[in-house]
Amino acid sequence: MNKSAALRIRVAPILHREFLDVCRDQDVSASHVLRKFMSSYVDRHRLGQQPELFDYDEKQKRD
């Protein structure tokens, strides 16, 4: 895969820390997880599906 673009996002510090901790515990890079998520999201969107990608109750706790 030729990686030539960057994406910069803002997230709550606790979410950022928890995400990196989980990635480290699973021995996978945060970049890999995000690329995999983005690819899955695009594939599902192209198929016209509306999957439950976010747990809104959990999101509200972190915001």
PDB file of N, CA and C in Angstrom:
ATOM      1  N   MET A   1       0.845  -1.179   0.000  1.00  0.00           N
ATOM      2  CA  MET A   1       0.000   0.000   0.000  1.00  0.00           C
ATOM      3  C   MET A   1       0.886   1.237   0.000  1.00  0.00           C
ATOM      4  N   ASN A   2       0.641   2.127  -0.927  1.00  0.00           N
ATOM      5  CA  ASN A   2       1.382   3.377  -0.998  1.00  0.00           C
ATOM      6  C   ASN A   2       0.690   4.410  -0.107  1.00  0.00           C
ATOM      7  N   LYS A   3       1.342   4.786   0.968  1.00  0.00           N
ATOM      8  CA  LYS A   3       0.756   5.738   1.916  1.00  0.00           C
ATOM      9  C   LYS A   3       1.307   7.122   1.630  1.00  0.00           C
ATOM     10  N   SER A   4       0.452   7.984   1.082  1.00  0.00           N
ATOM     11  CA  SER A   4       0.937   9.310   0.730  1.00  0.00           C
ATOM     12  C   SER A   4       0.067  10.430   1.279  1.00  0.00           C
ATOM     13  N   ALA A   5      -0.941  10.107   2.070  1.00  0.00           N
ATOM     14  CA  ALA A   5      -1.812  11.138   2.637  1.00  0.00           C
ATOM     15  C   ALA A   5      -1.835  10.989   4.153  1.00  0.00           C
ATOM     16  N   ALA A   6      -2.090  12.089   4.826  1.00  0.00           N
ATOM     17  CA  ALA A   6      -2.161  12.084   6.282  1.00  0.00           C
ATOM     18  C   ALA A   6      -3.519  12.622   6.712  1.00  0.00           C
ATOM     19  N   LEU A   7      -3.942  12.185   7.873  1.00  0.00           N
ATOM     20  CA  LEU A   7      -5.208  12.624   8.434  1.00  0.00           C
ATOM     21  C   LEU A   7      -4.950  13.074   9.865  1.00  0.00           C
ATOM     22  N   ARG A   8      -5.386  14.269  10.169  1.00  0.00           N
ATOM     23  CA  ARG A   8      -5.199  14.791  11.523  1.00  0.00           C
ATOM     24  C   ARG A   8      -6.573  15.003  12.143  1.00  0.00           C
ATOM     25  N   ILE A   9      -6.788  14.401  13.314  1.00  0.00           N
ATOM     26  CA  ILE A   9      -8.079  14.536  13.993  1.00  0.00           C
ATOM     27  C   ILE A   9      -7.864  14.949  15.441  1.00  0.00           C
ATOM     28  N   ARG A  10      -8.901  15.501  16.025  1.00  0.00           N
ATOM     29  CA  ARG A  10      -8.861  15.862  17.441  1.00  0.00           C
ATOM     30  C   ARG A  10      -9.792  14.920  18.195  1.00  0.00           C
ATOM     31  N   VAL A  11      -9.291  14.360  19.278  1.00  0.00           N
ATOM     32  CA  VAL A  11     -10.085  13.484  20.122  1.00  0.00           C
ATOM     33  C   VAL A  11      -9.831  13.850  21.584  1.00  0.00           C
ATOM     34  N   ALA A  12     -10.744  13.437  22.421  1.00  0.00           N
ATOM     35  CA  ALA A  12     -10.581  13.676  23.851  1.00  0.00           C
ATOM     36  C   ALA A  12      -9.321  12.953  24.328  1.00  0.00           C
ATOM     37  N   PRO A  13      -8.556  13.580  25.207  1.00  0.00           N
ATOM     38  CA  PRO A  13      -7.314  12.972  25.687  1.00  0.00           C
ATOM     39  C   PRO A  13      -7.500  11.577  26.288  1.00  0.00           C
ATOM     40  N   ILE A  14      -8.581  11.355  27.022  1.00  0.00           N
ATOM     41  CA  ILE A  14      -8.802  10.037  27.632  1.00  0.00           C
ATOM     42  C   ILE A  14      -9.051   8.981  26.557  1.00  0.00           C
ATOM     43  N   LEU A  15      -9.811   9.340  25.531  1.00  0.00           N
ATOM     44  CA  LEU A  15     -10.066   8.405  24.435  1.00  0.00           C
ATOM     45  C   LEU A  15      -8.763   8.073  23.715  1.00  0.00           C
ATOM     46  N   HIS A  16      -7.959   9.066  23.471  1.00  0.00           N
ATOM     47  CA  HIS A  16      -6.672   8.878  22.807  1.00  0.00           C
ATOM     48  C   HIS A  16      -5.798   7.917  23.607  1.00  0.00           C
ATOM     49  N   ARG A  17      -5.682   8.161  24.901  1.00  0.00           N
ATOM     50  CA  ARG A  17      -4.860   7.317  25.759  1.00  0.00           C
ATOM     51  C   ARG A  17      -5.388   5.883  25.800  1.00  0.00           C
ATOM     52  N   GLU A  18      -6.703   5.729  25.959  1.00  0.00           N
ATOM     53  CA  GLU A  18      -7.306   4.392  26.002  1.00  0.00           C
ATOM     54  C   GLU A  18      -7.108   3.652  24.681  1.00  0.00           C
ATOM     55  N   PHE A  19      -7.272   4.356  23.576  1.00  0.00           N
ATOM     56  CA  PHE A  19      -7.094   3.748  22.255  1.00  0.00           C
ATOM     57  C   PHE A  19      -5.662   3.244  22.085  1.00  0.00           C
ATOM     58  N   LEU A  20      -4.695   4.080  22.423  1.00  0.00           N
ATOM     59  CA  LEU A  20      -3.293   3.670  22.301  1.00  0.00           C
ATOM     60  C   LEU A  20      -2.967   2.513  23.239  1.00  0.00           C
ATOM     61  N   ASP A  21      -3.536   2.514  24.440  1.00  0.00           N
ATOM     62  CA  ASP A  21      -3.319   1.413  25.383  1.00  0.00           C
ATOM     63  C   ASP A  21      -3.843   0.090  24.838  1.00  0.00           C
ATOM     64  N   VAL A  22      -5.043   0.131  24.277  1.00  0.00           N
ATOM     65  CA  VAL A  22      -5.633  -1.086  23.715  1.00  0.00           C
ATOM     66  C   VAL A  22      -4.819  -1.571  22.521  1.00  0.00           C
ATOM     67  N   CYS A  23      -4.417  -0.658  21.661  1.00  0.00           N
ATOM     68  CA  CYS A  23      -3.589  -1.038  20.506  1.00  0.00           C
ATOM     69  C   CYS A  23      -2.288  -1.695  20.977  1.00  0.00           C
ATOM     70  N   ARG A  24      -1.658  -1.101  21.972  1.00  0.00           N
ATOM     71  CA  ARG A  24      -0.411  -1.660  22.493  1.00  0.00           C
ATOM     72  C   ARG A  24      -0.660  -3.048  23.093  1.00  0.00           C
ATOM     73  N   ASP A  25      -1.752  -3.198  23.856  1.00  0.00           N
ATOM     74  CA  ASP A  25      -2.081  -4.495  24.462  1.00  0.00           C
ATOM     75  C   ASP A  25      -2.311  -5.569  23.405  1.00  0.00           C
ATOM     76  N   GLN A  26      -2.829  -5.176  22.250  1.00  0.00           N
ATOM     77  CA  GLN A  26      -3.097  -6.115  21.162  1.00  0.00           C
ATOM     78  C   GLN A  26      -1.932  -6.220  20.187  1.00  0.00           C
ATOM     79  N   ASP A  27      -0.857  -5.503  20.482  1.00  0.00           N
ATOM     80  CA  ASP A  27       0.351  -5.524  19.650  1.00  0.00           C
ATOM     81  C   ASP A  27       0.048  -5.168  18.189  1.00  0.00           C
ATOM     82  N   VAL A  28      -0.700  -4.084  18.029  1.00  0.00           N
ATOM     83  CA  VAL A  28      -1.043  -3.596  16.696  1.00  0.00           C
ATOM     84  C   VAL A  28      -0.893  -2.074  16.715  1.00  0.00           C
ATOM     85  N   SER A  29      -0.481  -1.505  15.604  1.00  0.00           N
ATOM     86  CA  SER A  29      -0.302  -0.052  15.574  1.00  0.00           C
ATOM     87  C   SER A  29      -1.654   0.650  15.465  1.00  0.00           C
ATOM     88  N   ALA A  30      -1.719   1.830  16.060  1.00  0.00           N
ATOM     89  CA  ALA A  30      -2.933   2.638  15.985  1.00  0.00           C
ATOM     90  C   ALA A  30      -3.253   2.970  14.526  1.00  0.00           C
ATOM     91  N   SER A  31      -2.237   3.237  13.747  1.00  0.00           N
ATOM     92  CA  SER A  31      -2.440   3.552  12.323  1.00  0.00           C
ATOM     93  C   SER A  31      -3.097   2.390  11.594  1.00  0.00           C
ATOM     94  N   HIS A  32      -2.649   1.181  11.889  1.00  0.00           N
ATOM     95  CA  HIS A  32      -3.222  -0.001  11.244  1.00  0.00           C
ATOM     96  C   HIS A  32      -4.699  -0.138  11.591  1.00  0.00           C
ATOM     97  N   VAL A  33      -5.039   0.044  12.865  1.00  0.00           N
ATOM     98  CA  VAL A  33      -6.431  -0.065  13.300  1.00  0.00           C
ATOM     99  C   VAL A  33      -7.291   0.983  12.601  1.00  0.00           C
ATOM    100  N   LEU A  34      -6.806   2.208  12.519  1.00  0.00           N
ATOM    101  CA  LEU A  34      -7.580   3.270  11.882  1.00  0.00           C
ATOM    102  C   LEU A  34      -7.738   3.032  10.376  1.00  0.00           C
ATOM    103  N   ARG A  35      -6.672   2.579   9.716  1.00  0.00           N
ATOM    104  CA  ARG A  35      -6.788   2.272   8.279  1.00  0.00           C
ATOM    105  C   ARG A  35      -7.788   1.153   8.041  1.00  0.00           C
ATOM    106  N   LYS A  36      -7.748   0.133   8.904  1.00  0.00           N
ATOM    107  CA  LYS A  36      -8.673  -0.993   8.766  1.00  0.00           C
ATOM    108  C   LYS A  36     -10.117  -0.521   8.977  1.00  0.00           C
ATOM    109  N   PHE A  37     -10.331   0.313   9.998  1.00  0.00           N
ATOM    110  CA  PHE A  37     -11.660   0.859  10.242  1.00  0.00           C
ATOM    111  C   PHE A  37     -12.149   1.681   9.052  1.00  0.00           C
ATOM    112  N   MET A  38     -11.281   2.546   8.535  1.00  0.00           N
ATOM    113  CA  MET A  38     -11.665   3.402   7.414  1.00  0.00           C
ATOM    114  C   MET A  38     -12.024   2.572   6.185  1.00  0.00           C
ATOM    115  N   SER A  39     -11.247   1.553   5.922  1.00  0.00           N
ATOM    116  CA  SER A  39     -11.513   0.687   4.780  1.00  0.00           C
ATOM    117  C   SER A  39     -12.854  -0.025   4.936  1.00  0.00           C
ATOM    118  N   SER A  40     -13.115  -0.540   6.119  1.00  0.00           N
ATOM    119  CA  SER A  40     -14.377  -1.211   6.391  1.00  0.00           C
ATOM    120  C   SER A  40     -15.557  -0.243   6.264  1.00  0.00           C
ATOM    121  N   TYR A  41     -15.391   0.955   6.771  1.00  0.00           N
ATOM    122  CA  TYR A  41     -16.433   1.975   6.701  1.00  0.00           C
ATOM    123  C   TYR A  41     -16.763   2.309   5.245  1.00  0.00           C
ATOM    124  N   VAL A  42     -15.741   2.508   4.440  1.00  0.00           N
ATOM    125  CA  VAL A  42     -15.942   2.825   3.025  1.00  0.00           C
ATOM    126  C   VAL A  42     -16.634   1.661   2.315  1.00  0.00           C
ATOM    127  N   ASP A  43     -16.177   0.441   2.559  1.00  0.00           N
ATOM    128  CA  ASP A  43     -16.802  -0.727   1.929  1.00  0.00           C
ATOM    129  C   ASP A  43     -18.280  -0.821   2.278  1.00  0.00           C
ATOM    130  N   ARG A  44     -18.608  -0.640   3.541  1.00  0.00           N
ATOM    131  CA  ARG A  44     -20.006  -0.734   3.970  1.00  0.00           C
ATOM    132  C   ARG A  44     -20.839   0.403   3.402  1.00  0.00           C
ATOM    133  N   HIS A  45     -20.266   1.576   3.332  1.00  0.00           N
ATOM    134  CA  HIS A  45     -20.996   2.719   2.787  1.00  0.00           C
ATOM    135  C   HIS A  45     -21.299   2.496   1.312  1.00  0.00           C
ATOM    136  N   ARG A  46     -20.341   1.971   0.599  1.00  0.00           N
ATOM    137  CA  ARG A  46     -20.538   1.707  -0.838  1.00  0.00           C
ATOM    138  C   ARG A  46     -21.647   0.696  -1.071  1.00  0.00           C
ATOM    139  N   LEU A  47     -21.833  -0.209  -0.126  1.00  0.00           N
ATOM    140  CA  LEU A  47     -22.886  -1.212  -0.250  1.00  0.00           C
ATOM    141  C   LEU A  47     -24.243  -0.691   0.219  1.00  0.00           C
ATOM    142  N   GLY A  48     -24.271   0.547   0.687  1.00  0.00           N
ATOM    143  CA  GLY A  48     -25.525   1.138   1.126  1.00  0.00           C
ATOM    144  C   GLY A  48     -25.964   0.677   2.504  1.00  0.00           C
ATOM    145  N   GLN A  49     -25.068   0.059   3.257  1.00  0.00           N
ATOM    146  CA  GLN A  49     -25.414  -0.409   4.600  1.00  0.00           C
ATOM    147  C   GLN A  49     -25.229   0.711   5.604  1.00  0.00           C
ATOM    148  N   GLN A  50     -25.932   0.632   6.695  1.00  0.00           N
ATOM    149  CA  GLN A  50     -25.802   1.599   7.785  1.00  0.00           C
ATOM    150  C   GLN A  50     -25.497   0.829   9.060  1.00  0.00           C
ATOM    151  N   PRO A  51     -24.281   0.327   9.204  1.00  0.00           N
ATOM    152  CA  PRO A  51     -23.959  -0.471  10.385  1.00  0.00           C
ATOM    153  C   PRO A  51     -23.884   0.381  11.640  1.00  0.00           C
ATOM    154  N   GLU A  52     -24.076  -0.257  12.754  1.00  0.00           N
ATOM    155  CA  GLU A  52     -23.920   0.424  14.041  1.00  0.00           C
ATOM    156  C   GLU A  52     -22.430   0.489  14.344  1.00  0.00           C
ATOM    157  N   LEU A  53     -21.791   1.595  13.956  1.00  0.00           N
ATOM    158  CA  LEU A  53     -20.353   1.730  14.132  1.00  0.00           C
ATOM    159  C   LEU A  53     -19.990   2.360  15.464  1.00  0.00           C
ATOM    160  N   PHE A  54     -20.930   3.041  16.063  1.00  0.00           N
ATOM    161  CA  PHE A  54     -20.610   3.764  17.280  1.00  0.00           C
ATOM    162  C   PHE A  54     -21.608   3.411  18.367  1.00  0.00           C
ATOM    163  N   ASP A  55     -21.114   3.210  19.555  1.00  0.00           N
ATOM    164  CA  ASP A  55     -21.966   3.005  20.707  1.00  0.00           C
ATOM    165  C   ASP A  55     -22.169   4.385  21.316  1.00  0.00           C
ATOM    166  N   TYR A  56     -23.311   4.986  21.094  1.00  0.00           N
ATOM    167  CA  TYR A  56     -23.533   6.366  21.496  1.00  0.00           C
ATOM    168  C   TYR A  56     -23.468   6.562  23.004  1.00  0.00           C
ATOM    169  N   ASP A  57     -23.912   5.582  23.785  1.00  0.00           N
ATOM    170  CA  ASP A  57     -23.816   5.702  25.239  1.00  0.00           C
ATOM    171  C   ASP A  57     -22.367   5.775  25.673  1.00  0.00           C
ATOM    172  N   GLU A  58     -21.514   4.928  25.097  1.00  0.00           N
ATOM    173  CA  GLU A  58     -20.096   4.932  25.438  1.00  0.00           C
ATOM    174  C   GLU A  58     -19.437   6.231  24.973  1.00  0.00           C
ATOM    175  N   LYS A  59     -19.820   6.714  23.813  1.00  0.00           N
ATOM    176  CA  LYS A  59     -19.261   7.966  23.288  1.00  0.00           C
ATOM    177  C   LYS A  59     -19.578   9.122  24.212  1.00  0.00           C
ATOM    178  N   GLN A  60     -20.789   9.191  24.713  1.00  0.00           N
ATOM    179  CA  GLN A  60     -21.184  10.286  25.580  1.00  0.00           C
ATOM    180  C   GLN A  60     -20.376  10.293  26.871  1.00  0.00           C
ATOM    181  N   LYS A  61     -20.007   9.132  27.377  1.00  0.00           N
ATOM    182  CA  LYS A  61     -19.215   9.044  28.598  1.00  0.00           C
ATOM    183  C   LYS A  61     -17.847   9.661  28.410  1.00  0.00           C
ATOM    184  N   ARG A  62     -17.290   9.552  27.200  1.00  0.00           N
ATOM    185  CA  ARG A  62     -15.922  10.010  26.930  1.00  0.00           C
ATOM    186  C   ARG A  62     -15.861  11.480  26.538  1.00  0.00           C
ATOM    187  N   ASP A  63     -16.961  12.039  26.051  1.00  0.00           N
ATOM    188  CA  ASP A  63     -16.957  13.440  25.599  1.00  0.00           C
ATOM    189  C   ASP A  63     -16.956  14.423  26.732  1.00  0.00           C
TER     190      ASP A  63
END
